[in-house]
Amino acid sequence: MNRMWYLEAFDRESELQVRDYAMPGLTTAILKNLLNLGEAVEIGGVKYPLEAGGYDIPPETTPSFAEYIDGPFKVDDSLDYQVGFYDE
């Protein structure tokens, strides 16, 4: 089983996910630096590891994720991006 971060692309109008991109080279430490995250995420008053959360990507930060994507990637300004951690 592979566990890794994925960049997810969502249609701004429908809010439906339209694509995802595996990021095998992205570590949690790198993600913390890119998004200025703390050590944990709080969900319902309980602290969990960062891998338990999903994170919105600011438009100006999205290109920074390209080097971690497994395959071709081009930022589409009509989409919103998030990053999440999943088992494959």
Protein backbone atom coordinates (compact mmCIF):
# COMPACT_ATOMS: atom_id res chain seq x y z
CA MET A 1 0.00 0.00 0.00
CA ASN A 2 1.32 3.44 -0.97
CA ARG A 3 0.55 6.37 1.29
CA MET A 4 1.21 9.80 -0.15
CA TRP A 5 0.06 13.35 -0.64
CA TYR A 6 -2.14 14.20 -3.63
CA LEU A 7 -2.87 17.55 -5.24
CA GLU A 8 -6.60 17.70 -5.96
CA ALA A 9 -8.19 20.04 -8.50
CA PHE A 10 -11.78 21.24 -8.05
CA ASP A 11 -14.11 23.02 -10.45
CA ARG A 12 -14.83 26.41 -8.92
CA GLU A 13 -18.45 26.48 -10.04
CA SER A 14 -19.61 22.96 -9.15
CA GLU A 15 -16.97 22.37 -6.43
CA LEU A 16 -16.56 18.82 -7.81
CA GLN A 17 -13.13 17.23 -7.95
CA VAL A 18 -12.05 17.00 -11.59
CA ARG A 19 -8.45 15.72 -11.27
CA ASP A 20 -5.87 14.55 -8.81
CA TYR A 21 -2.10 14.30 -9.03
CA ALA A 22 0.09 11.92 -7.04
CA MET A 23 3.01 13.63 -5.30
CA PRO A 24 5.36 10.82 -4.24
CA GLY A 25 8.20 13.28 -3.60
CA LEU A 26 6.24 15.49 -1.20
CA THR A 27 6.92 14.83 2.47
CA THR A 28 4.91 16.17 5.38
CA ALA A 29 7.93 18.31 6.38
CA ILE A 30 8.00 19.94 2.93
CA LEU A 31 4.23 20.51 3.04
CA LYS A 32 4.56 22.18 6.45
CA ASN A 33 7.06 24.62 4.98
CA LEU A 34 5.10 25.29 1.78
CA LEU A 35 1.84 26.03 3.63
CA ASN A 36 3.25 27.31 6.93
CA LEU A 37 1.49 24.57 8.93
CA GLY A 38 1.98 23.62 12.56
CA GLU A 39 2.65 20.17 13.98
CA ALA A 40 -0.96 18.94 14.02
CA VAL A 41 -4.44 19.67 12.70
CA GLU A 42 -7.40 20.12 15.04
CA ILE A 43 -10.66 18.49 13.98
CA GLY A 44 -13.64 18.69 16.30
CA GLY A 45 -11.43 19.75 19.19
CA VAL A 46 -9.07 16.78 18.79
CA LYS A 47 -5.50 17.11 17.50
CA TYR A 48 -4.48 14.75 14.70
CA PRO A 49 -1.32 14.34 12.61
CA LEU A 50 -1.19 16.64 9.57
CA GLU A 51 -1.93 13.66 7.33
CA ALA A 52 -5.50 13.61 8.69
CA GLY A 53 -6.38 16.99 7.19
CA GLY A 54 -6.97 18.43 3.75
CA TYR A 55 -5.53 21.83 2.94
CA ASP A 56 -6.55 24.58 0.54
CA ILE A 57 -3.69 25.76 -1.67
CA PRO A 58 -3.44 29.52 -2.24
CA PRO A 59 -3.26 30.28 -6.00
CA GLU A 60 0.19 31.83 -5.70
CA THR A 61 1.53 28.67 -3.98
CA THR A 62 0.07 26.11 -6.41
CA PRO A 63 3.04 26.21 -8.86
CA SER A 64 5.36 25.20 -5.97
CA PHE A 65 3.77 21.75 -5.96
CA ALA A 66 4.63 20.98 -9.62
CA GLU A 67 8.05 19.54 -8.83
CA TYR A 68 6.50 16.90 -6.55
CA ILE A 69 3.88 15.68 -9.02
CA ASP A 70 4.38 12.33 -10.71
CA GLY A 71 3.76 13.34 -14.35
CA PRO A 72 2.90 16.49 -16.29
CA PHE A 73 1.11 19.34 -14.52
CA LYS A 74 0.06 22.84 -15.49
CA VAL A 75 -1.84 25.18 -13.18
CA ASP A 76 -5.37 25.83 -14.45
CA ASP A 77 -6.59 29.19 -13.15
CA SER A 78 -10.22 28.06 -13.46
CA LEU A 79 -9.69 25.43 -10.73
CA ASP A 80 -9.19 25.50 -6.96
CA TYR A 81 -6.52 23.22 -5.49
CA GLN A 82 -6.24 21.28 -2.25
CA VAL A 83 -3.76 18.78 -0.94
CA GLY A 84 -4.72 15.60 0.93
CA PHE A 85 -3.01 12.44 2.17
CA TYR A 86 -4.38 9.08 0.98
CA ASP A 87 -3.67 5.37 0.84
CA GLU A 88 -3.32 4.09 -2.69
